[in-house]
PDB file of all heavy atoms in Angstrom:
ATOM      1  N   ASP A   1      -4.326  29.080 -32.312  1.00  0.00           N
ATOM      2  CA  ASP A   1      -3.114  28.264 -32.209  1.00  0.00           C
ATOM      3  C   ASP A   1      -2.685  28.098 -30.753  1.00  0.00           C
ATOM      4  O   ASP A   1      -2.136  27.068 -30.376  1.00  0.00           O
ATOM      5  CB  ASP A   1      -1.969  28.915 -33.001  1.00  0.00           C
ATOM      6  CG  ASP A   1      -2.204  28.828 -34.505  1.00  0.00           C
ATOM      7  OD1 ASP A   1      -2.991  27.970 -34.925  1.00  0.00           O
ATOM      8  OD2 ASP A   1      -1.583  29.616 -35.247  1.00  0.00           O
ATOM      9  N   ASP A   2      -2.924  29.120 -29.950  1.00  0.00           N
ATOM     10  CA  ASP A   2      -2.596  29.048 -28.535  1.00  0.00           C
ATOM     11  C   ASP A   2      -3.406  27.955 -27.850  1.00  0.00           C
ATOM     12  O   ASP A   2      -2.905  27.238 -26.979  1.00  0.00           O
ATOM     13  CB  ASP A   2      -2.841  30.400 -27.868  1.00  0.00           C
ATOM     14  CG  ASP A   2      -2.286  30.462 -26.456  1.00  0.00           C
ATOM     15  OD1 ASP A   2      -1.112  30.064 -26.269  1.00  0.00           O
ATOM     16  OD2 ASP A   2      -3.012  30.890 -25.545  1.00  0.00           O
ATOM     17  N   ASP A   3      -4.667  27.825 -28.247  1.00  0.00           N
ATOM     18  CA  ASP A   3      -5.527  26.781 -27.699  1.00  0.00           C
ATOM     19  C   ASP A   3      -5.033  25.393 -28.113  1.00  0.00           C
ATOM     20  O   ASP A   3      -5.109  24.437 -27.337  1.00  0.00           O
ATOM     21  CB  ASP A   3      -6.970  26.964 -28.170  1.00  0.00           C
ATOM     22  CG  ASP A   3      -7.619  28.218 -27.584  1.00  0.00           C
ATOM     23  OD1 ASP A   3      -7.178  28.643 -26.501  1.00  0.00           O
ATOM     24  OD2 ASP A   3      -8.546  28.750 -28.221  1.00  0.00           O
ATOM     25  N   VAL A   4      -4.508  25.299 -29.323  1.00  0.00           N
ATOM     26  CA  VAL A   4      -3.976  24.034 -29.825  1.00  0.00           C
ATOM     27  C   VAL A   4      -2.833  23.552 -28.944  1.00  0.00           C
ATOM     28  O   VAL A   4      -2.764  22.377 -28.576  1.00  0.00           O
ATOM     29  CB  VAL A   4      -3.476  24.197 -31.283  1.00  0.00           C
ATOM     30  CG1 VAL A   4      -2.728  22.941 -31.728  1.00  0.00           C
ATOM     31  CG2 VAL A   4      -4.646  24.457 -32.216  1.00  0.00           C
ATOM     32  N   LYS A   5      -1.934  24.454 -28.589  1.00  0.00           N
ATOM     33  CA  LYS A   5      -0.795  24.101 -27.758  1.00  0.00           C
ATOM     34  C   LYS A   5      -1.232  23.682 -26.353  1.00  0.00           C
ATOM     35  O   LYS A   5      -0.648  22.776 -25.759  1.00  0.00           O
ATOM     36  CB  LYS A   5       0.187  25.271 -27.699  1.00  0.00           C
ATOM     37  CG  LYS A   5       0.831  25.572 -29.059  1.00  0.00           C
ATOM     38  CD  LYS A   5       1.625  26.846 -29.062  1.00  0.00           C
ATOM     39  CE  LYS A   5       2.196  27.128 -30.447  1.00  0.00           C
ATOM     40  NZ  LYS A   5       2.941  28.405 -30.509  1.00  0.00           N
ATOM     41  N   LYS A   6      -2.257  24.336 -25.837  1.00  0.00           N
ATOM     42  CA  LYS A   6      -2.787  23.971 -24.528  1.00  0.00           C
ATOM     43  C   LYS A   6      -3.406  22.581 -24.565  1.00  0.00           C
ATOM     44  O   LYS A   6      -3.209  21.759 -23.651  1.00  0.00           O
ATOM     45  CB  LYS A   6      -3.824  25.004 -24.063  1.00  0.00           C
ATOM     46  CG  LYS A   6      -3.244  26.377 -23.761  1.00  0.00           C
ATOM     47  CD  LYS A   6      -4.346  27.364 -23.432  1.00  0.00           C
ATOM     48  CE  LYS A   6      -3.783  28.759 -23.197  1.00  0.00           C
ATOM     49  NZ  LYS A   6      -4.853  29.760 -22.961  1.00  0.00           N
ATOM     50  N   LEU A   7      -4.177  22.334 -25.607  1.00  0.00           N
ATOM     51  CA  LEU A   7      -4.812  21.025 -25.765  1.00  0.00           C
ATOM     52  C   LEU A   7      -3.767  19.923 -25.935  1.00  0.00           C
ATOM     53  O   LEU A   7      -3.936  18.807 -25.433  1.00  0.00           O
ATOM     54  CB  LEU A   7      -5.755  21.044 -26.962  1.00  0.00           C
ATOM     55  CG  LEU A   7      -7.027  21.881 -26.812  1.00  0.00           C
ATOM     56  CD1 LEU A   7      -7.706  22.080 -28.152  1.00  0.00           C
ATOM     57  CD2 LEU A   7      -7.985  21.217 -25.823  1.00  0.00           C
ATOM     58  N   PHE A   8      -2.716  20.252 -26.660  1.00  0.00           N
ATOM     59  CA  PHE A   8      -1.599  19.321 -26.865  1.00  0.00           C
ATOM     60  C   PHE A   8      -1.010  18.920 -25.509  1.00  0.00           C
ATOM     61  O   PHE A   8      -0.819  17.725 -25.231  1.00  0.00           O
ATOM     62  CB  PHE A   8      -0.535  19.995 -27.736  1.00  0.00           C
ATOM     63  CG  PHE A   8       0.630  19.125 -28.098  1.00  0.00           C
ATOM     64  CD1 PHE A   8       0.640  18.397 -29.283  1.00  0.00           C
ATOM     65  CD2 PHE A   8       1.739  19.033 -27.267  1.00  0.00           C
ATOM     66  CE1 PHE A   8       1.716  17.602 -29.622  1.00  0.00           C
ATOM     67  CE2 PHE A   8       2.822  18.232 -27.598  1.00  0.00           C
ATOM     68  CZ  PHE A   8       2.824  17.515 -28.774  1.00  0.00           C
ATOM     69  N   SER A   9      -0.730  19.904 -24.672  1.00  0.00           N
ATOM     70  CA  SER A   9      -0.154  19.628 -23.349  1.00  0.00           C
ATOM     71  C   SER A   9      -1.123  18.885 -22.452  1.00  0.00           C
ATOM     72  O   SER A   9      -0.753  17.929 -21.781  1.00  0.00           O
ATOM     73  CB  SER A   9       0.251  20.950 -22.677  1.00  0.00           C
ATOM     74  OG  SER A   9       1.235  21.627 -23.415  1.00  0.00           O
ATOM     75  N   LEU A  10      -2.396  19.305 -22.464  1.00  0.00           N
ATOM     76  CA  LEU A  10      -3.400  18.661 -21.631  1.00  0.00           C
ATOM     77  C   LEU A  10      -3.566  17.185 -21.985  1.00  0.00           C
ATOM     78  O   LEU A  10      -3.785  16.337 -21.111  1.00  0.00           O
ATOM     79  CB  LEU A  10      -4.741  19.376 -21.767  1.00  0.00           C
ATOM     80  CG  LEU A  10      -4.912  20.656 -20.946  1.00  0.00           C
ATOM     81  CD1 LEU A  10      -6.201  21.369 -21.329  1.00  0.00           C
ATOM     82  CD2 LEU A  10      -4.897  20.345 -19.445  1.00  0.00           C
ATOM     83  N   SER A  11      -3.436  16.876 -23.262  1.00  0.00           N
ATOM     84  CA  SER A  11      -3.541  15.474 -23.703  1.00  0.00           C
ATOM     85  C   SER A  11      -2.507  14.608 -23.012  1.00  0.00           C
ATOM     86  O   SER A  11      -2.799  13.490 -22.574  1.00  0.00           O
ATOM     87  CB  SER A  11      -3.363  15.383 -25.231  1.00  0.00           C
ATOM     88  OG  SER A  11      -4.377  16.087 -25.907  1.00  0.00           O
ATOM     89  N   PHE A  12      -1.290  15.130 -22.908  1.00  0.00           N
ATOM     90  CA  PHE A  12      -0.222  14.350 -22.274  1.00  0.00           C
ATOM     91  C   PHE A  12      -0.338  14.324 -20.753  1.00  0.00           C
ATOM     92  O   PHE A  12       0.069  13.357 -20.120  1.00  0.00           O
ATOM     93  CB  PHE A  12       1.146  14.880 -22.721  1.00  0.00           C
ATOM     94  CG  PHE A  12       1.542  14.419 -24.087  1.00  0.00           C
ATOM     95  CD1 PHE A  12       1.385  15.255 -25.199  1.00  0.00           C
ATOM     96  CD2 PHE A  12       2.031  13.126 -24.293  1.00  0.00           C
ATOM     97  CE1 PHE A  12       1.730  14.823 -26.463  1.00  0.00           C
ATOM     98  CE2 PHE A  12       2.374  12.690 -25.563  1.00  0.00           C
ATOM     99  CZ  PHE A  12       2.214  13.531 -26.649  1.00  0.00           C
ATOM    100  N   TYR A  13      -0.907  15.374 -20.174  1.00  0.00           N
ATOM    101  CA  TYR A  13      -1.155  15.348 -18.732  1.00  0.00           C
ATOM    102  C   TYR A  13      -2.184  14.276 -18.380  1.00  0.00           C
ATOM    103  O   TYR A  13      -2.047  13.541 -17.398  1.00  0.00           O
ATOM    104  CB  TYR A  13      -1.639  16.716 -18.233  1.00  0.00           C
ATOM    105  CG  TYR A  13      -0.543  17.739 -18.081  1.00  0.00           C
ATOM    106  CD1 TYR A  13      -0.591  18.953 -18.753  1.00  0.00           C
ATOM    107  CD2 TYR A  13       0.554  17.496 -17.246  1.00  0.00           C
ATOM    108  CE1 TYR A  13       0.422  19.893 -18.613  1.00  0.00           C
ATOM    109  CE2 TYR A  13       1.567  18.432 -17.092  1.00  0.00           C
ATOM    110  CZ  TYR A  13       1.498  19.623 -17.783  1.00  0.00           C
ATOM    111  OH  TYR A  13       2.503  20.548 -17.642  1.00  0.00           O
ATOM    112  N   VAL A  14      -3.238  14.194 -19.197  1.00  0.00           N
ATOM    113  CA  VAL A  14      -4.252  13.161 -18.993  1.00  0.00           C
ATOM    114  C   VAL A  14      -3.640  11.788 -19.200  1.00  0.00           C
ATOM    115  O   VAL A  14      -3.918  10.853 -18.433  1.00  0.00           O
ATOM    116  CB  VAL A  14      -5.451  13.373 -19.948  1.00  0.00           C
ATOM    117  CG1 VAL A  14      -6.433  12.191 -19.831  1.00  0.00           C
ATOM    118  CG2 VAL A  14      -6.154  14.674 -19.643  1.00  0.00           C
ATOM    119  N   LEU A  15      -2.821  11.657 -20.228  1.00  0.00           N
ATOM    120  CA  LEU A  15      -2.146  10.384 -20.491  1.00  0.00           C
ATOM    121  C   LEU A  15      -1.298   9.965 -19.290  1.00  0.00           C
ATOM    122  O   LEU A  15      -1.306   8.786 -18.892  1.00  0.00           O
ATOM    123  CB  LEU A  15      -1.258  10.497 -21.735  1.00  0.00           C
ATOM    124  CG  LEU A  15      -0.347   9.309 -22.051  1.00  0.00           C
ATOM    125  CD1 LEU A  15      -1.179   8.047 -22.255  1.00  0.00           C
ATOM    126  CD2 LEU A  15       0.507   9.595 -23.281  1.00  0.00           C
ATOM    127  N   LEU A  16      -0.576  10.905 -18.712  1.00  0.00           N
ATOM    128  CA  LEU A  16       0.246  10.604 -17.525  1.00  0.00           C
ATOM    129  C   LEU A  16      -0.619  10.091 -16.386  1.00  0.00           C
ATOM    130  O   LEU A  16      -0.255   9.124 -15.707  1.00  0.00           O
ATOM    131  CB  LEU A  16       1.007  11.861 -17.098  1.00  0.00           C
ATOM    132  CG  LEU A  16       1.879  11.731 -15.837  1.00  0.00           C
ATOM    133  CD1 LEU A  16       2.956  10.678 -16.041  1.00  0.00           C
ATOM    134  CD2 LEU A  16       2.500  13.090 -15.487  1.00  0.00           C
ATOM    135  N   LEU A  17      -1.759  10.730 -16.173  1.00  0.00           N
ATOM    136  CA  LEU A  17      -2.675  10.305 -15.120  1.00  0.00           C
ATOM    137  C   LEU A  17      -3.189   8.886 -15.373  1.00  0.00           C
ATOM    138  O   LEU A  17      -3.201   8.040 -14.470  1.00  0.00           O
ATOM    139  CB  LEU A  17      -3.851  11.273 -15.035  1.00  0.00           C
ATOM    140  CG  LEU A  17      -4.976  10.890 -14.063  1.00  0.00           C
ATOM    141  CD1 LEU A  17      -4.453  10.842 -12.626  1.00  0.00           C
ATOM    142  CD2 LEU A  17      -6.132  11.881 -14.177  1.00  0.00           C
ATOM    143  N   ILE A  18      -3.580   8.602 -16.603  1.00  0.00           N
ATOM    144  CA  ILE A  18      -4.100   7.278 -16.963  1.00  0.00           C
ATOM    145  C   ILE A  18      -3.008   6.216 -16.804  1.00  0.00           C
ATOM    146  O   ILE A  18      -3.269   5.100 -16.334  1.00  0.00           O
ATOM    147  CB  ILE A  18      -4.630   7.269 -18.420  1.00  0.00           C
ATOM    148  CG1 ILE A  18      -5.801   8.227 -18.568  1.00  0.00           C
ATOM    149  CG2 ILE A  18      -5.035   5.863 -18.822  1.00  0.00           C
ATOM    150  CD1 ILE A  18      -6.999   7.888 -17.710  1.00  0.00           C
ATOM    151  N   VAL A  19      -1.777   6.557 -17.177  1.00  0.00           N
ATOM    152  CA  VAL A  19      -0.645   5.618 -17.045  1.00  0.00           C
ATOM    153  C   VAL A  19      -0.415   5.278 -15.579  1.00  0.00           C
ATOM    154  O   VAL A  19      -0.200   4.094 -15.236  1.00  0.00           O
ATOM    155  CB  VAL A  19       0.630   6.227 -17.665  1.00  0.00           C
ATOM    156  CG1 VAL A  19       1.865   5.453 -17.205  1.00  0.00           C
ATOM    157  CG2 VAL A  19       0.547   6.191 -19.187  1.00  0.00           C
ATOM    158  N   VAL A  20      -0.465   6.272 -14.701  1.00  0.00           N
ATOM    159  CA  VAL A  20      -0.287   6.036 -13.256  1.00  0.00           C
ATOM    160  C   VAL A  20      -1.407   5.133 -12.734  1.00  0.00           C
ATOM    161  O   VAL A  20      -1.149   4.185 -11.975  1.00  0.00           O
ATOM    162  CB  VAL A  20      -0.269   7.368 -12.488  1.00  0.00           C
ATOM    163  CG1 VAL A  20      -0.308   7.104 -10.972  1.00  0.00           C
ATOM    164  CG2 VAL A  20       0.969   8.169 -12.847  1.00  0.00           C
ATOM    165  N   LEU A  21      -2.640   5.403 -13.149  1.00  0.00           N
ATOM    166  CA  LEU A  21      -3.773   4.580 -12.702  1.00  0.00           C
ATOM    167  C   LEU A  21      -3.650   3.146 -13.221  1.00  0.00           C
ATOM    168  O   LEU A  21      -3.964   2.195 -12.483  1.00  0.00           O
ATOM    169  CB  LEU A  21      -5.085   5.203 -13.191  1.00  0.00           C
ATOM    170  CG  LEU A  21      -5.477   6.544 -12.575  1.00  0.00           C
ATOM    171  CD1 LEU A  21      -6.743   7.094 -13.225  1.00  0.00           C
ATOM    172  CD2 LEU A  21      -5.666   6.410 -11.063  1.00  0.00           C
ATOM    173  N   CYS A  22      -3.181   3.000 -14.451  1.00  0.00           N
ATOM    174  CA  CYS A  22      -2.978   1.665 -15.014  1.00  0.00           C
ATOM    175  C   CYS A  22      -1.901   0.906 -14.247  1.00  0.00           C
ATOM    176  O   CYS A  22      -2.047  -0.292 -13.980  1.00  0.00           O
ATOM    177  CB  CYS A  22      -2.592   1.765 -16.487  1.00  0.00           C
ATOM    178  SG  CYS A  22      -3.951   2.135 -17.601  1.00  0.00           S
ATOM    179  N   PHE A  23      -0.839   1.607 -13.918  1.00  0.00           N
ATOM    180  CA  PHE A  23       0.257   0.975 -13.150  1.00  0.00           C
ATOM    181  C   PHE A  23      -0.249   0.472 -11.807  1.00  0.00           C
ATOM    182  O   PHE A  23       0.057  -0.654 -11.385  1.00  0.00           O
ATOM    183  CB  PHE A  23       1.395   1.981 -12.950  1.00  0.00           C
ATOM    184  CG  PHE A  23       2.557   1.418 -12.164  1.00  0.00           C
ATOM    185  CD1 PHE A  23       3.498   0.612 -12.777  1.00  0.00           C
ATOM    186  CD2 PHE A  23       2.696   1.687 -10.810  1.00  0.00           C
ATOM    187  CE1 PHE A  23       4.571   0.090 -12.070  1.00  0.00           C
ATOM    188  CE2 PHE A  23       3.760   1.176 -10.081  1.00  0.00           C
ATOM    189  CZ  PHE A  23       4.700   0.366 -10.711  1.00  0.00           C
ATOM    190  N   ILE A  24      -1.041   1.279 -11.139  1.00  0.00           N
ATOM    191  CA  ILE A  24      -1.617   0.880  -9.841  1.00  0.00           C
ATOM    192  C   ILE A  24      -2.535  -0.319 -10.012  1.00  0.00           C
ATOM    193  O   ILE A  24      -2.485  -1.285  -9.231  1.00  0.00           O
ATOM    194  CB  ILE A  24      -2.386   2.058  -9.214  1.00  0.00           C
ATOM    195  CG1 ILE A  24      -1.419   3.197  -8.862  1.00  0.00           C
ATOM    196  CG2 ILE A  24      -3.146   1.599  -7.966  1.00  0.00           C
ATOM    197  CD1 ILE A  24      -2.108   4.464  -8.400  1.00  0.00           C
ATOM    198  N   ALA A  25      -3.387  -0.275 -11.042  1.00  0.00           N
ATOM    199  CA  ALA A  25      -4.323  -1.374 -11.291  1.00  0.00           C
ATOM    200  C   ALA A  25      -3.585  -2.678 -11.590  1.00  0.00           C
ATOM    201  O   ALA A  25      -3.974  -3.749 -11.094  1.00  0.00           O
ATOM    202  CB  ALA A  25      -5.243  -1.014 -12.455  1.00  0.00           C
ATOM    203  N   ILE A  26      -2.522  -2.599 -12.382  1.00  0.00           N
ATOM    204  CA  ILE A  26      -1.735  -3.786 -12.719  1.00  0.00           C
ATOM    205  C   ILE A  26      -1.060  -4.362 -11.488  1.00  0.00           C
ATOM    206  O   ILE A  26      -1.022  -5.590 -11.292  1.00  0.00           O
ATOM    207  CB  ILE A  26      -0.693  -3.448 -13.805  1.00  0.00           C
ATOM    208  CG1 ILE A  26      -1.383  -3.092 -15.120  1.00  0.00           C
ATOM    209  CG2 ILE A  26       0.264  -4.627 -14.029  1.00  0.00           C
ATOM    210  CD1 ILE A  26      -0.467  -2.499 -16.157  1.00  0.00           C
ATOM    211  N   CYS A  27      -0.528  -3.484 -10.641  1.00  0.00           N
ATOM    212  CA  CYS A  27       0.099  -3.936  -9.392  1.00  0.00           C
ATOM    213  C   CYS A  27      -0.907  -4.662  -8.507  1.00  0.00           C
ATOM    214  O   CYS A  27      -0.593  -5.693  -7.900  1.00  0.00           O
ATOM    215  CB  CYS A  27       0.702  -2.749  -8.642  1.00  0.00           C
ATOM    216  SG  CYS A  27       2.195  -2.064  -9.405  1.00  0.00           S
ATOM    217  N   ILE A  28      -2.123  -4.130  -8.456  1.00  0.00           N
ATOM    218  CA  ILE A  28      -3.180  -4.749  -7.642  1.00  0.00           C
ATOM    219  C   ILE A  28      -3.518  -6.137  -8.193  1.00  0.00           C
ATOM    220  O   ILE A  28      -3.696  -7.102  -7.425  1.00  0.00           O
ATOM    221  CB  ILE A  28      -4.454  -3.865  -7.635  1.00  0.00           C
ATOM    222  CG1 ILE A  28      -4.178  -2.588  -6.837  1.00  0.00           C
ATOM    223  CG2 ILE A  28      -5.639  -4.621  -7.040  1.00  0.00           C
ATOM    224  CD1 ILE A  28      -5.312  -1.584  -6.891  1.00  0.00           C
ATOM    225  N   ILE A  29      -3.588  -6.257  -9.513  1.00  0.00           N
ATOM    226  CA  ILE A  29      -3.897  -7.546 -10.146  1.00  0.00           C
ATOM    227  C   ILE A  29      -2.847  -8.589  -9.781  1.00  0.00           C
ATOM    228  O   ILE A  29      -3.202  -9.740  -9.440  1.00  0.00           O
ATOM    229  CB  ILE A  29      -3.971  -7.393 -11.681  1.00  0.00           C
ATOM    230  CG1 ILE A  29      -5.204  -6.587 -12.081  1.00  0.00           C
ATOM    231  CG2 ILE A  29      -4.001  -8.767 -12.360  1.00  0.00           C
ATOM    232  CD1 ILE A  29      -5.281  -6.248 -13.558  1.00  0.00           C
ATOM    233  N   TYR A  30      -1.577  -8.205  -9.826  1.00  0.00           N
ATOM    234  CA  TYR A  30      -0.506  -9.160  -9.543  1.00  0.00           C
ATOM    235  C   TYR A  30      -0.344  -9.416  -8.037  1.00  0.00           C
ATOM    236  O   TYR A  30      -0.139 -10.562  -7.615  1.00  0.00           O
ATOM    237  CB  TYR A  30       0.822  -8.650 -10.122  1.00  0.00           C
ATOM    238  CG  TYR A  30       0.902  -8.779 -11.626  1.00  0.00           C
ATOM    239  CD1 TYR A  30       1.498  -7.783 -12.399  1.00  0.00           C
ATOM    240  CD2 TYR A  30       0.397  -9.896 -12.284  1.00  0.00           C
ATOM    241  CE1 TYR A  30       1.605  -7.908 -13.784  1.00  0.00           C
ATOM    242  CE2 TYR A  30       0.485 -10.023 -13.663  1.00  0.00           C
ATOM    243  CZ  TYR A  30       1.075  -9.027 -14.406  1.00  0.00           C
ATOM    244  OH  TYR A  30       1.172  -9.154 -15.772  1.00  0.00           O
ATOM    245  N   ILE A  31      -0.423  -8.375  -7.238  1.00  0.00           N
ATOM    246  CA  ILE A  31      -0.226  -8.527  -5.786  1.00  0.00           C
ATOM    247  C   ILE A  31      -1.306  -9.409  -5.163  1.00  0.00           C
ATOM    248  O   ILE A  31      -1.044 -10.273  -4.334  1.00  0.00           O
ATOM    249  CB  ILE A  31      -0.187  -7.148  -5.087  1.00  0.00           C
ATOM    250  CG1 ILE A  31       1.086  -6.392  -5.499  1.00  0.00           C
ATOM    251  CG2 ILE A  31      -0.225  -7.303  -3.571  1.00  0.00           C
ATOM    252  CD1 ILE A  31       1.142  -4.963  -5.006  1.00  0.00           C
TER     253      ILE A  31
END
């Protein structure tokens, strides 16, 4: 169960990273 909670958190950390990269990519497309 401890591993489950770690994986849960890691999923959202990766999501945050992907969201930041997407934001940068979108800005580049428009700029």
